[in-house]
N, C-alpha and C. Protein backbone atom coordinates (compact mmCIF):
# COMPACT_ATOMS: atom_id res chain seq x y z
N MET A 1 204.18 207.73 11.74
CA MET A 1 204.93 207.43 10.53
C MET A 1 206.00 206.38 10.87
N ILE A 2 206.06 205.34 10.05
CA ILE A 2 207.06 204.31 10.26
C ILE A 2 208.37 204.76 9.62
N LEU A 3 209.42 204.79 10.43
CA LEU A 3 210.73 205.26 9.98
C LEU A 3 211.57 204.08 9.50
N PRO A 4 212.48 204.30 8.55
CA PRO A 4 213.37 203.20 8.16
C PRO A 4 214.40 202.94 9.26
N ILE A 5 214.65 201.67 9.54
CA ILE A 5 215.65 201.29 10.52
C ILE A 5 217.00 201.18 9.81
N VAL A 6 217.99 201.80 10.41
CA VAL A 6 219.34 201.85 9.84
C VAL A 6 220.01 200.48 10.03
N ALA A 7 220.61 199.97 8.96
CA ALA A 7 221.24 198.65 9.00
C ALA A 7 222.69 198.72 9.47
N TYR A 8 223.16 197.57 9.93
CA TYR A 8 224.56 197.39 10.32
C TYR A 8 225.48 197.99 9.25
N GLY A 9 226.53 198.67 9.69
CA GLY A 9 227.48 199.26 8.74
C GLY A 9 227.32 200.76 8.61
N ASP A 10 226.16 201.29 9.01
CA ASP A 10 225.96 202.74 8.93
C ASP A 10 226.75 203.41 10.06
N PRO A 11 227.52 204.46 9.74
CA PRO A 11 228.34 205.13 10.76
C PRO A 11 227.55 205.67 11.96
N VAL A 12 226.26 206.00 11.78
CA VAL A 12 225.48 206.55 12.90
C VAL A 12 225.39 205.55 14.05
N LEU A 13 225.47 204.25 13.73
CA LEU A 13 225.38 203.22 14.78
C LEU A 13 226.66 203.15 15.61
N ARG A 14 227.71 203.83 15.18
CA ARG A 14 228.99 203.80 15.88
C ARG A 14 229.29 205.10 16.62
N LYS A 15 228.37 206.06 16.54
CA LYS A 15 228.60 207.35 17.20
C LYS A 15 228.13 207.28 18.66
N VAL A 16 228.86 207.95 19.54
CA VAL A 16 228.35 208.15 20.89
C VAL A 16 227.34 209.29 20.76
N ALA A 17 226.10 209.01 21.12
CA ALA A 17 225.01 209.97 20.90
C ALA A 17 225.11 211.15 21.88
N THR A 18 224.48 212.25 21.50
CA THR A 18 224.54 213.46 22.32
C THR A 18 223.22 213.68 23.07
N ASP A 19 223.33 214.34 24.23
CA ASP A 19 222.15 214.69 25.03
C ASP A 19 221.25 215.64 24.25
N ILE A 20 219.99 215.63 24.61
CA ILE A 20 219.04 216.57 23.99
C ILE A 20 218.33 217.36 25.08
N THR A 21 217.71 218.47 24.67
CA THR A 21 216.90 219.26 25.58
C THR A 21 215.43 219.10 25.15
N LYS A 22 214.53 219.60 25.99
CA LYS A 22 213.10 219.42 25.68
C LYS A 22 212.65 220.18 24.44
N ASP A 23 213.49 221.11 23.95
CA ASP A 23 213.12 221.80 22.71
C ASP A 23 213.79 221.17 21.48
N TYR A 24 214.22 219.91 21.61
CA TYR A 24 214.76 219.20 20.43
C TYR A 24 213.68 219.21 19.34
N PRO A 25 214.04 219.55 18.09
CA PRO A 25 213.04 219.70 17.02
C PRO A 25 212.16 218.45 16.83
N LYS A 26 210.86 218.67 16.86
CA LYS A 26 209.85 217.65 16.54
C LYS A 26 209.93 216.41 17.43
N LEU A 27 210.39 216.59 18.67
CA LEU A 27 210.47 215.46 19.60
C LEU A 27 209.08 214.86 19.85
N ASP A 28 208.07 215.73 19.87
CA ASP A 28 206.70 215.27 20.14
C ASP A 28 206.16 214.36 19.02
N THR A 29 206.72 214.44 17.82
CA THR A 29 206.33 213.49 16.77
C THR A 29 207.33 212.35 16.63
N LEU A 30 208.60 212.62 16.98
CA LEU A 30 209.62 211.57 16.87
C LEU A 30 209.30 210.38 17.78
N ILE A 31 208.93 210.67 19.04
CA ILE A 31 208.69 209.57 19.99
C ILE A 31 207.55 208.66 19.52
N PRO A 32 206.36 209.18 19.16
CA PRO A 32 205.31 208.27 18.66
C PRO A 32 205.73 207.55 17.37
N ASN A 33 206.49 208.23 16.50
CA ASN A 33 206.96 207.58 15.27
C ASN A 33 207.91 206.42 15.58
N MET A 34 208.75 206.61 16.61
CA MET A 34 209.67 205.53 17.00
C MET A 34 208.90 204.35 17.59
N TRP A 35 207.88 204.63 18.42
CA TRP A 35 207.05 203.52 18.94
C TRP A 35 206.44 202.74 17.78
N GLU A 36 205.85 203.47 16.84
CA GLU A 36 205.19 202.83 15.70
C GLU A 36 206.19 201.99 14.90
N THR A 37 207.37 202.54 14.69
CA THR A 37 208.43 201.84 13.95
C THR A 37 208.83 200.56 14.68
N MET A 38 209.01 200.66 16.00
CA MET A 38 209.42 199.51 16.80
C MET A 38 208.37 198.40 16.75
N TYR A 39 207.10 198.77 16.94
CA TYR A 39 206.03 197.76 16.93
C TYR A 39 205.89 197.13 15.55
N ASN A 40 206.02 197.94 14.51
CA ASN A 40 205.92 197.43 13.14
C ASN A 40 206.99 196.37 12.86
N ALA A 41 208.17 196.53 13.49
CA ALA A 41 209.29 195.60 13.27
C ALA A 41 209.31 194.49 14.34
N HIS A 42 208.31 194.47 15.21
CA HIS A 42 208.19 193.46 16.28
C HIS A 42 209.38 193.51 17.23
N GLY A 43 209.84 194.73 17.53
CA GLY A 43 210.95 194.88 18.47
C GLY A 43 210.44 195.12 19.89
N VAL A 44 211.35 194.97 20.87
CA VAL A 44 211.03 195.27 22.26
C VAL A 44 211.80 196.51 22.73
N GLY A 45 212.63 197.04 21.85
CA GLY A 45 213.37 198.25 22.15
C GLY A 45 213.82 198.90 20.85
N LEU A 46 214.03 200.21 20.91
CA LEU A 46 214.52 200.94 19.73
C LEU A 46 215.24 202.19 20.23
N ALA A 47 216.42 202.44 19.66
CA ALA A 47 217.20 203.62 20.02
C ALA A 47 217.26 204.58 18.83
N ALA A 48 217.34 205.87 19.14
CA ALA A 48 217.36 206.89 18.08
C ALA A 48 218.42 206.65 17.00
N PRO A 49 219.66 206.20 17.37
CA PRO A 49 220.63 205.94 16.29
C PRO A 49 220.13 204.91 15.27
N GLN A 50 219.23 204.03 15.70
CA GLN A 50 218.69 203.02 14.77
C GLN A 50 217.74 203.62 13.74
N VAL A 51 217.30 204.86 13.97
CA VAL A 51 216.50 205.55 12.95
C VAL A 51 217.31 206.74 12.40
N GLY A 52 218.64 206.67 12.58
CA GLY A 52 219.53 207.64 11.95
C GLY A 52 219.82 208.89 12.74
N LEU A 53 219.40 208.94 14.02
CA LEU A 53 219.60 210.15 14.82
C LEU A 53 220.57 209.90 15.96
N PRO A 54 221.73 210.57 15.98
CA PRO A 54 222.73 210.33 17.02
C PRO A 54 222.41 211.08 18.32
N ILE A 55 221.22 210.81 18.88
CA ILE A 55 220.80 211.47 20.12
C ILE A 55 220.53 210.42 21.19
N ARG A 56 220.62 210.85 22.46
CA ARG A 56 220.47 209.92 23.59
C ARG A 56 218.99 209.72 23.93
N LEU A 57 218.36 208.89 23.13
CA LEU A 57 216.94 208.59 23.29
C LEU A 57 216.73 207.13 22.91
N PHE A 58 216.10 206.38 23.80
CA PHE A 58 215.67 205.03 23.43
C PHE A 58 214.40 204.69 24.18
N MET A 59 213.72 203.65 23.71
CA MET A 59 212.47 203.22 24.31
C MET A 59 212.45 201.71 24.43
N VAL A 60 211.67 201.25 25.40
CA VAL A 60 211.59 199.83 25.69
C VAL A 60 210.14 199.47 26.01
N ASP A 61 209.65 198.39 25.41
CA ASP A 61 208.36 197.80 25.79
C ASP A 61 208.56 196.28 25.81
N THR A 62 208.65 195.73 27.02
CA THR A 62 208.98 194.30 27.15
C THR A 62 207.75 193.40 27.21
N SER A 63 206.56 193.93 26.92
CA SER A 63 205.33 193.11 26.96
C SER A 63 205.44 191.79 26.20
N PRO A 64 206.07 191.75 24.99
CA PRO A 64 206.14 190.47 24.27
C PRO A 64 206.83 189.35 25.05
N PHE A 65 207.71 189.71 25.99
CA PHE A 65 208.39 188.68 26.79
C PHE A 65 207.53 188.16 27.94
N SER A 66 206.42 188.84 28.23
CA SER A 66 205.68 188.54 29.46
C SER A 66 204.98 187.18 29.44
N ASP A 67 204.86 186.55 28.27
CA ASP A 67 204.23 185.23 28.25
C ASP A 67 205.26 184.11 28.12
N ASP A 68 206.54 184.42 28.40
CA ASP A 68 207.59 183.41 28.36
C ASP A 68 207.43 182.46 29.54
N GLU A 69 207.18 181.19 29.23
CA GLU A 69 206.91 180.17 30.26
C GLU A 69 208.11 179.93 31.18
N ASP A 70 209.33 180.22 30.70
CA ASP A 70 210.53 179.96 31.49
C ASP A 70 210.74 180.98 32.61
N LEU A 71 209.98 182.07 32.58
CA LEU A 71 210.14 183.13 33.57
C LEU A 71 209.20 182.91 34.75
N SER A 72 209.60 183.44 35.91
CA SER A 72 208.73 183.37 37.08
C SER A 72 207.53 184.30 36.85
N LYS A 73 206.45 184.05 37.62
CA LYS A 73 205.25 184.90 37.53
C LYS A 73 205.61 186.36 37.82
N GLU A 74 206.51 186.56 38.78
CA GLU A 74 206.93 187.91 39.14
C GLU A 74 207.62 188.60 37.97
N GLU A 75 208.52 187.86 37.29
CA GLU A 75 209.21 188.44 36.12
C GLU A 75 208.22 188.72 35.00
N GLN A 76 207.28 187.79 34.78
CA GLN A 76 206.28 187.99 33.72
C GLN A 76 205.47 189.26 33.98
N GLU A 77 205.07 189.46 35.23
CA GLU A 77 204.30 190.66 35.59
C GLU A 77 205.12 191.93 35.37
N GLN A 78 206.40 191.88 35.78
CA GLN A 78 207.30 193.03 35.63
C GLN A 78 207.44 193.41 34.16
N LEU A 79 207.57 192.40 33.30
CA LEU A 79 207.77 192.64 31.87
C LEU A 79 206.49 193.10 31.19
N LYS A 80 205.35 192.60 31.66
CA LYS A 80 204.06 192.89 31.01
C LYS A 80 203.74 194.38 30.99
N GLY A 81 203.95 195.04 32.10
CA GLY A 81 203.54 196.45 32.16
C GLY A 81 204.64 197.44 31.87
N PHE A 82 205.79 196.97 31.36
CA PHE A 82 206.92 197.87 31.26
C PHE A 82 207.01 198.51 29.88
N LYS A 83 206.76 199.83 29.84
CA LYS A 83 206.87 200.60 28.59
C LYS A 83 207.39 201.98 28.97
N LYS A 84 208.62 202.29 28.55
CA LYS A 84 209.23 203.57 28.96
C LYS A 84 210.09 204.17 27.87
N VAL A 85 210.19 205.49 27.94
CA VAL A 85 211.11 206.27 27.10
C VAL A 85 212.25 206.72 28.01
N PHE A 86 213.49 206.56 27.51
CA PHE A 86 214.68 206.97 28.26
C PHE A 86 215.40 208.06 27.46
N ILE A 87 215.55 209.23 28.07
CA ILE A 87 216.23 210.35 27.41
C ILE A 87 217.47 210.71 28.24
N ASN A 88 218.59 210.95 27.56
CA ASN A 88 219.86 211.33 28.21
C ASN A 88 220.24 210.35 29.32
N ALA A 89 220.01 209.07 29.06
CA ALA A 89 220.26 208.04 30.07
C ALA A 89 221.75 207.89 30.36
N LYS A 90 222.02 207.51 31.62
CA LYS A 90 223.39 207.20 32.03
C LYS A 90 223.34 206.01 32.97
N ILE A 91 224.05 204.95 32.60
CA ILE A 91 224.12 203.79 33.50
C ILE A 91 225.06 204.14 34.64
N GLU A 92 224.54 204.05 35.87
CA GLU A 92 225.31 204.38 37.06
C GLU A 92 226.10 203.17 37.54
N GLU A 93 225.49 201.98 37.41
CA GLU A 93 226.15 200.77 37.91
C GLU A 93 225.55 199.53 37.26
N GLU A 94 226.41 198.55 36.98
CA GLU A 94 225.98 197.23 36.55
C GLU A 94 226.58 196.25 37.56
N SER A 95 225.78 195.31 38.06
CA SER A 95 226.30 194.42 39.09
C SER A 95 225.78 193.00 38.92
N GLY A 96 226.43 192.09 39.65
CA GLY A 96 226.05 190.68 39.62
C GLY A 96 226.97 189.87 38.72
N THR A 97 226.70 188.57 38.65
CA THR A 97 227.49 187.66 37.83
C THR A 97 226.93 187.62 36.43
N GLU A 98 227.79 187.85 35.43
CA GLU A 98 227.34 187.88 34.04
C GLU A 98 226.60 186.60 33.66
N TRP A 99 225.58 186.74 32.81
CA TRP A 99 224.84 185.58 32.33
C TRP A 99 224.58 185.73 30.83
N ASP A 100 224.46 184.59 30.18
CA ASP A 100 224.24 184.54 28.73
C ASP A 100 222.76 184.60 28.41
N PHE A 101 222.43 185.31 27.33
CA PHE A 101 221.07 185.29 26.82
C PHE A 101 221.16 185.56 25.33
N ASN A 102 220.30 184.93 24.57
CA ASN A 102 220.31 185.06 23.12
C ASN A 102 219.70 186.40 22.71
N GLU A 103 220.49 187.26 22.06
CA GLU A 103 220.03 188.60 21.66
C GLU A 103 220.02 188.75 20.15
N GLY A 104 219.14 189.63 19.71
CA GLY A 104 219.09 190.03 18.31
C GLY A 104 218.93 191.53 18.27
N CYS A 105 218.89 192.09 17.07
CA CYS A 105 218.81 193.55 16.94
C CYS A 105 218.12 193.89 15.62
N LEU A 106 217.23 194.88 15.64
CA LEU A 106 216.50 195.27 14.43
C LEU A 106 217.45 195.80 13.35
N SER A 107 218.61 196.33 13.75
CA SER A 107 219.59 196.82 12.77
C SER A 107 220.47 195.71 12.21
N ILE A 108 220.37 194.52 12.82
CA ILE A 108 221.18 193.37 12.39
C ILE A 108 220.23 192.17 12.24
N PRO A 109 219.33 192.22 11.26
CA PRO A 109 218.30 191.19 11.16
C PRO A 109 218.88 189.79 10.91
N ASP A 110 218.17 188.80 11.42
CA ASP A 110 218.49 187.38 11.18
C ASP A 110 219.78 186.91 11.82
N ILE A 111 220.36 187.69 12.72
CA ILE A 111 221.52 187.22 13.48
C ILE A 111 221.16 187.29 14.96
N ARG A 112 221.27 186.16 15.62
CA ARG A 112 221.03 186.08 17.06
C ARG A 112 222.20 185.34 17.69
N GLU A 113 222.70 185.87 18.78
CA GLU A 113 223.84 185.24 19.46
C GLU A 113 223.70 185.40 20.97
N ASP A 114 224.33 184.48 21.70
CA ASP A 114 224.37 184.61 23.15
C ASP A 114 225.34 185.71 23.54
N VAL A 115 224.87 186.61 24.41
CA VAL A 115 225.66 187.75 24.86
C VAL A 115 225.70 187.73 26.39
N LYS A 116 226.87 187.97 26.97
CA LYS A 116 227.02 188.03 28.42
C LYS A 116 226.76 189.46 28.90
N ARG A 117 225.90 189.59 29.91
CA ARG A 117 225.66 190.89 30.54
C ARG A 117 225.46 190.67 32.04
N LYS A 118 225.69 191.72 32.80
CA LYS A 118 225.42 191.64 34.24
C LYS A 118 223.90 191.70 34.46
N PRO A 119 223.38 191.04 35.51
CA PRO A 119 221.95 190.91 35.69
C PRO A 119 221.24 192.12 36.29
N GLU A 120 222.00 193.09 36.82
CA GLU A 120 221.35 194.23 37.46
C GLU A 120 221.96 195.53 36.96
N VAL A 121 221.11 196.51 36.72
CA VAL A 121 221.58 197.80 36.21
C VAL A 121 220.85 198.93 36.94
N THR A 122 221.61 199.95 37.32
CA THR A 122 221.03 201.17 37.87
C THR A 122 221.26 202.26 36.84
N ILE A 123 220.18 202.94 36.48
CA ILE A 123 220.25 203.91 35.38
C ILE A 123 219.53 205.19 35.78
N SER A 124 220.12 206.33 35.43
CA SER A 124 219.43 207.61 35.61
C SER A 124 219.05 208.12 34.23
N TYR A 125 217.88 208.74 34.13
CA TYR A 125 217.39 209.18 32.82
C TYR A 125 216.27 210.19 33.01
N LEU A 126 215.88 210.81 31.91
CA LEU A 126 214.70 211.68 31.87
C LEU A 126 213.61 210.94 31.10
N ASP A 127 212.37 211.07 31.53
CA ASP A 127 211.27 210.49 30.75
C ASP A 127 210.85 211.47 29.65
N GLU A 128 209.79 211.13 28.90
CA GLU A 128 209.41 211.99 27.77
C GLU A 128 208.92 213.36 28.20
N ASN A 129 208.59 213.53 29.50
CA ASN A 129 208.22 214.84 30.02
C ASN A 129 209.41 215.56 30.66
N PHE A 130 210.60 214.98 30.48
CA PHE A 130 211.86 215.50 31.01
C PHE A 130 211.89 215.53 32.54
N GLU A 131 211.13 214.58 33.15
CA GLU A 131 211.21 214.38 34.59
C GLU A 131 212.36 213.42 34.87
N PRO A 132 213.21 213.71 35.88
CA PRO A 132 214.34 212.84 36.16
C PRO A 132 213.96 211.59 36.96
N HIS A 133 214.64 210.49 36.68
CA HIS A 133 214.44 209.22 37.40
C HIS A 133 215.79 208.55 37.61
N LYS A 134 215.88 207.76 38.67
CA LYS A 134 217.04 206.88 38.88
C LYS A 134 216.45 205.57 39.39
N GLU A 135 216.63 204.50 38.62
CA GLU A 135 215.98 203.24 38.95
C GLU A 135 216.93 202.07 38.75
N THR A 136 216.63 200.98 39.44
CA THR A 136 217.42 199.76 39.31
C THR A 136 216.52 198.67 38.74
N TYR A 137 217.03 197.97 37.74
CA TYR A 137 216.29 196.88 37.09
C TYR A 137 217.15 195.64 37.09
N ASN A 138 216.49 194.48 37.01
CA ASN A 138 217.27 193.25 36.93
C ASN A 138 216.65 192.26 35.95
N GLY A 139 217.40 191.19 35.70
CA GLY A 139 216.94 190.13 34.81
C GLY A 139 216.81 190.58 33.36
N LEU A 140 215.78 190.08 32.71
CA LEU A 140 215.57 190.35 31.29
C LEU A 140 215.34 191.84 31.02
N LEU A 141 214.66 192.49 31.95
CA LEU A 141 214.40 193.92 31.81
C LEU A 141 215.73 194.71 31.79
N ALA A 142 216.63 194.36 32.68
CA ALA A 142 217.95 195.03 32.72
C ALA A 142 218.67 194.79 31.40
N ARG A 143 218.57 193.58 30.87
CA ARG A 143 219.26 193.22 29.63
C ARG A 143 218.76 194.06 28.46
N VAL A 144 217.45 194.20 28.33
CA VAL A 144 216.89 194.99 27.22
C VAL A 144 217.36 196.44 27.33
N ILE A 145 217.34 196.97 28.55
CA ILE A 145 217.80 198.35 28.77
C ILE A 145 219.28 198.48 28.42
N GLN A 146 220.11 197.51 28.84
CA GLN A 146 221.54 197.56 28.54
C GLN A 146 221.79 197.51 27.02
N HIS A 147 221.01 196.67 26.32
CA HIS A 147 221.16 196.55 24.86
C HIS A 147 220.85 197.89 24.19
N GLU A 148 219.74 198.51 24.58
CA GLU A 148 219.37 199.80 23.97
C GLU A 148 220.34 200.90 24.38
N TYR A 149 220.78 200.87 25.63
CA TYR A 149 221.76 201.85 26.11
C TYR A 149 223.05 201.76 25.28
N ASP A 150 223.47 200.53 24.98
CA ASP A 150 224.66 200.35 24.15
C ASP A 150 224.54 201.12 22.83
N HIS A 151 223.32 201.14 22.26
CA HIS A 151 223.13 201.85 20.98
C HIS A 151 223.48 203.33 21.10
N ILE A 152 223.12 203.96 22.22
CA ILE A 152 223.43 205.39 22.34
C ILE A 152 224.90 205.63 22.70
N GLU A 153 225.62 204.53 22.97
CA GLU A 153 227.06 204.60 23.22
C GLU A 153 227.86 204.15 21.99
N GLY A 154 227.18 203.87 20.88
CA GLY A 154 227.85 203.44 19.66
C GLY A 154 228.32 201.99 19.69
N VAL A 155 227.69 201.16 20.53
CA VAL A 155 228.08 199.76 20.70
C VAL A 155 226.95 198.86 20.20
N LEU A 156 227.32 197.78 19.49
CA LEU A 156 226.35 196.80 19.01
C LEU A 156 226.57 195.48 19.74
N PHE A 157 225.53 194.65 19.81
CA PHE A 157 225.67 193.40 20.56
C PHE A 157 226.75 192.50 19.96
N THR A 158 226.99 192.63 18.66
CA THR A 158 228.02 191.81 18.02
C THR A 158 229.44 192.18 18.51
N ASP A 159 229.59 193.39 19.06
CA ASP A 159 230.88 193.80 19.61
C ASP A 159 231.25 192.98 20.84
N LYS A 160 230.24 192.40 21.48
CA LYS A 160 230.47 191.67 22.73
C LYS A 160 230.77 190.20 22.49
N LEU A 161 230.85 189.79 21.23
CA LEU A 161 231.11 188.39 20.90
C LEU A 161 232.61 188.12 20.82
N SER A 162 232.96 186.85 20.88
CA SER A 162 234.38 186.47 20.79
C SER A 162 234.90 186.80 19.39
N SER A 163 236.23 186.93 19.26
CA SER A 163 236.79 187.27 17.94
C SER A 163 236.49 186.15 16.93
N LEU A 164 236.42 184.91 17.38
CA LEU A 164 236.08 183.81 16.48
C LEU A 164 234.65 183.98 15.95
N LYS A 165 233.71 184.24 16.85
CA LYS A 165 232.31 184.45 16.44
C LYS A 165 232.22 185.61 15.46
N LYS A 166 232.94 186.69 15.74
CA LYS A 166 232.91 187.87 14.85
C LYS A 166 233.39 187.49 13.45
N ARG A 167 234.47 186.70 13.39
CA ARG A 167 234.98 186.27 12.08
C ARG A 167 233.95 185.41 11.35
N LEU A 168 233.29 184.53 12.10
CA LEU A 168 232.29 183.65 11.49
C LEU A 168 231.09 184.44 10.96
N LEU A 169 230.79 185.57 11.59
CA LEU A 169 229.62 186.38 11.20
C LEU A 169 229.94 187.43 10.14
N LYS A 170 231.23 187.65 9.86
CA LYS A 170 231.64 188.76 9.00
C LYS A 170 230.90 188.80 7.67
N ASN A 171 230.82 187.68 6.94
CA ASN A 171 230.15 187.67 5.63
C ASN A 171 228.67 188.01 5.76
N ARG A 172 228.02 187.46 6.80
CA ARG A 172 226.59 187.75 6.99
C ARG A 172 226.37 189.23 7.31
N LEU A 173 227.26 189.80 8.11
CA LEU A 173 227.15 191.22 8.45
C LEU A 173 227.38 192.09 7.21
N ASP A 174 228.34 191.71 6.38
CA ASP A 174 228.58 192.44 5.12
C ASP A 174 227.34 192.42 4.23
N LYS A 175 226.69 191.26 4.16
CA LYS A 175 225.47 191.15 3.34
C LYS A 175 224.37 192.06 3.87
N ILE A 176 224.24 192.13 5.19
CA ILE A 176 223.22 193.02 5.77
C ILE A 176 223.50 194.47 5.36
N SER A 177 224.76 194.91 5.47
CA SER A 177 225.09 196.31 5.16
C SER A 177 224.84 196.62 3.68
N LYS A 178 224.90 195.58 2.82
CA LYS A 178 224.66 195.77 1.38
C LYS A 178 223.21 195.55 0.99
N GLY A 179 222.35 195.28 1.98
CA GLY A 179 220.93 195.09 1.69
C GLY A 179 220.61 193.74 1.09
N LYS A 180 221.53 192.79 1.19
CA LYS A 180 221.30 191.45 0.63
C LYS A 180 220.64 190.58 1.68
N ILE A 181 219.46 191.01 2.09
CA ILE A 181 218.71 190.33 3.15
C ILE A 181 217.24 190.66 2.96
N SER A 182 216.39 189.74 3.39
CA SER A 182 214.95 189.97 3.26
C SER A 182 214.38 190.30 4.64
N VAL A 183 213.79 191.48 4.77
CA VAL A 183 213.17 191.87 6.04
C VAL A 183 211.75 192.35 5.77
N ASP A 184 210.89 192.24 6.79
CA ASP A 184 209.49 192.65 6.58
C ASP A 184 209.21 194.03 7.20
N TYR A 185 210.27 194.82 7.38
CA TYR A 185 210.09 196.20 7.81
C TYR A 185 211.05 197.08 7.01
N LYS A 186 210.75 198.39 7.04
CA LYS A 186 211.51 199.35 6.24
C LYS A 186 212.92 199.51 6.81
N MET A 187 213.94 199.37 5.94
CA MET A 187 215.32 199.55 6.37
C MET A 187 216.08 200.47 5.43
N ARG A 188 217.17 201.04 5.95
CA ARG A 188 218.09 201.85 5.14
C ARG A 188 219.45 201.17 5.23
N PHE A 189 220.00 200.80 4.06
CA PHE A 189 221.26 200.06 4.01
C PHE A 189 222.39 200.99 3.58
N PRO A 190 223.51 200.99 4.32
CA PRO A 190 224.57 201.95 4.03
C PRO A 190 225.39 201.63 2.78
N ASN A 191 225.48 200.33 2.43
CA ASN A 191 226.41 199.97 1.37
C ASN A 191 225.75 199.39 0.13
N ILE A 192 224.54 199.84 -0.16
CA ILE A 192 223.89 199.40 -1.41
C ILE A 192 224.55 200.15 -2.54
N LYS A 193 224.96 199.41 -3.54
CA LYS A 193 225.57 200.03 -4.73
C LYS A 193 224.46 200.71 -5.53
N LYS A 194 224.65 201.97 -5.79
CA LYS A 194 223.67 202.72 -6.56
C LYS A 194 223.75 202.31 -8.04
N ALA A 195 222.57 202.09 -8.63
CA ALA A 195 222.54 201.77 -10.07
C ALA A 195 222.96 202.99 -10.87
N ARG A 196 223.76 202.76 -11.89
CA ARG A 196 224.23 203.90 -12.71
C ARG A 196 223.32 204.12 -13.88
């Protein structure tokens, strides 16, 4: 089932999400529904708060990046086979010199901006079978994980922009929250005025 993606302005996107246990209600249907929702919207990552659930769950499939000509063959291979579910994730360390990359977000359609992030991340998490992992990722893969991780911390990529950029984007962000935008996937807008 394709779930509606929550738009910018919804309070759920600002909550620090809570850990879940393996008996979280309907988790076995939520995960496939989130994959379907993400693919339908042509995303490479999706976090539970983006479908209205303040829980520490996100998923990443970087295959669409694997044919990027600007990347090394090694990076392309790494991105091609990468598809994972992260539950109760915790970033242990971010390292290296920050670098800019143009990011977008399914909850903030039609806005893309350069965001600075560190190139390497070490993260501990549980997979969908609740097996524990601790892994280190770098480059574009680390960036996608950091972006999705931010969602479960109540942080959006627009928070990382300069105050000038934020002011310049304010009207566009307001329009998104009011549903004054055209998207080709199902969305839920927090500030649509109800017809009387």
